Protein backbone atom coordinates (compact mmCIF):
# COMPACT_ATOMS: atom_id res chain seq x y z
CA MET A 1 225.35 70.22 71.40
CA ALA A 2 224.95 74.10 71.20
CA SER A 3 224.43 75.49 74.68
CA SER A 4 220.72 76.87 75.04
CA PRO A 5 220.01 80.38 75.55
CA VAL A 6 220.07 81.52 79.18
CA LEU A 7 216.04 82.41 79.53
CA THR A 8 215.41 85.44 82.34
CA ARG A 9 212.63 84.65 84.80
CA ASN A 10 211.06 87.82 84.33
CA SER A 11 209.55 88.17 80.84
CA LYS A 12 208.73 91.83 81.20
CA LYS A 13 212.26 93.02 81.48
CA SER A 14 213.47 91.37 78.52
CA ARG A 15 211.96 90.70 74.96
CA PHE A 16 213.02 88.33 71.70
CA ALA A 17 213.51 89.69 68.24
CA CYS A 18 213.98 87.67 65.24
CA THR A 19 217.20 88.30 63.82
CA GLU A 20 215.75 86.73 60.32
CA CYS A 21 212.79 89.17 59.92
CA GLY A 22 212.32 91.29 63.08
CA ALA A 23 209.85 89.93 65.12
CA VAL A 24 209.12 90.02 68.56
CA VAL A 25 207.52 88.11 70.83
CA ALA A 26 207.46 87.63 74.70
CA LYS A 27 209.36 84.38 75.44
CA TRP A 28 211.93 82.63 74.02
CA VAL A 29 211.13 79.77 71.33
CA GLY A 30 213.00 77.47 69.54
CA ARG A 31 211.25 78.33 65.96
CA CYS A 32 210.21 82.24 64.74
CA ASP A 33 206.68 81.71 64.36
CA ALA A 34 206.98 84.66 61.32
CA CYS A 35 209.69 83.67 59.30
CA GLY A 36 209.74 79.82 60.24
CA GLU A 37 213.42 80.51 60.57
CA TRP A 38 214.96 77.81 63.48
CA ASN A 39 217.28 79.50 66.36
CA THR A 40 217.11 83.02 65.44
CA LEU A 41 215.37 84.67 68.45
CA VAL A 42 217.86 86.76 70.44
CA GLU A 43 217.16 88.40 74.02
CA GLU A 44 216.79 92.46 73.97
CA ARG A 45 216.19 94.06 77.27
CA MET A 46 213.54 96.50 77.50
CA THR A 47 214.53 99.79 79.58
CA SER A 48 211.98 100.34 82.03
CA SER A 49 210.14 103.64 82.78
CA ARG A 50 207.70 102.12 84.88
CA SER A 51 209.26 104.71 87.89
CA SER A 52 207.75 108.44 86.68
CA SER A 53 204.57 106.22 86.42
CA LEU A 54 204.73 105.05 89.66
CA ALA A 55 205.03 108.61 91.48
CA PRO A 56 201.87 109.22 93.37
CA ALA A 57 199.88 112.19 92.04
CA MET A 58 199.21 113.70 95.91
CA PRO A 59 201.00 113.26 98.55
CA ALA A 60 200.80 110.61 101.86
CA LEU A 61 197.86 112.28 104.29
CA PRO A 62 197.46 110.93 107.37
CA ILE A 63 194.55 108.83 108.20
CA THR A 64 193.31 111.05 110.75
CA ASP A 65 193.04 114.09 107.75
CA VAL A 66 191.20 111.94 105.38
CA SER A 67 186.74 112.13 105.50
CA ALA A 68 184.84 109.24 104.65
CA LEU A 69 182.42 112.07 103.49
CA ASP A 70 184.61 113.47 100.50
CA ALA A 71 184.75 109.70 99.01
CA VAL A 72 183.23 108.91 95.44
CA PRO A 73 181.44 105.53 95.92
CA PHE A 74 182.77 103.75 92.54
CA PRO A 75 180.12 101.46 91.22
CA THR A 76 180.96 97.74 90.22
CA GLU A 77 177.26 97.09 88.92
CA VAL A 78 177.31 93.77 91.59
CA ALA A 79 174.47 95.67 93.81
CA GLU A 80 175.68 93.47 96.93
CA PHE A 81 178.94 95.22 96.38
CA ASP A 82 178.03 98.52 95.52
CA ARG A 83 175.54 98.27 98.95
CA VAL A 84 178.38 97.14 101.02
CA LEU A 85 180.77 99.10 99.85
């Protein structure tokens, strides 16, 4: 019996590509939907570029330096939410 592939828990950090047709899917399945071949999907680790996008746009401020009067309301189109917020 052939050994099953090792699956990762976090599908955001890997993807699976078909060795026959090159199709890419988010999780491993036994058969490629694009070409119909069996057991041709191999895991590819994806490099993460999130760390640079998570950098704060502005430096953190003490809460005492933040004015509620400067806040711009964000409409939710739900009247009760807009009234309360």
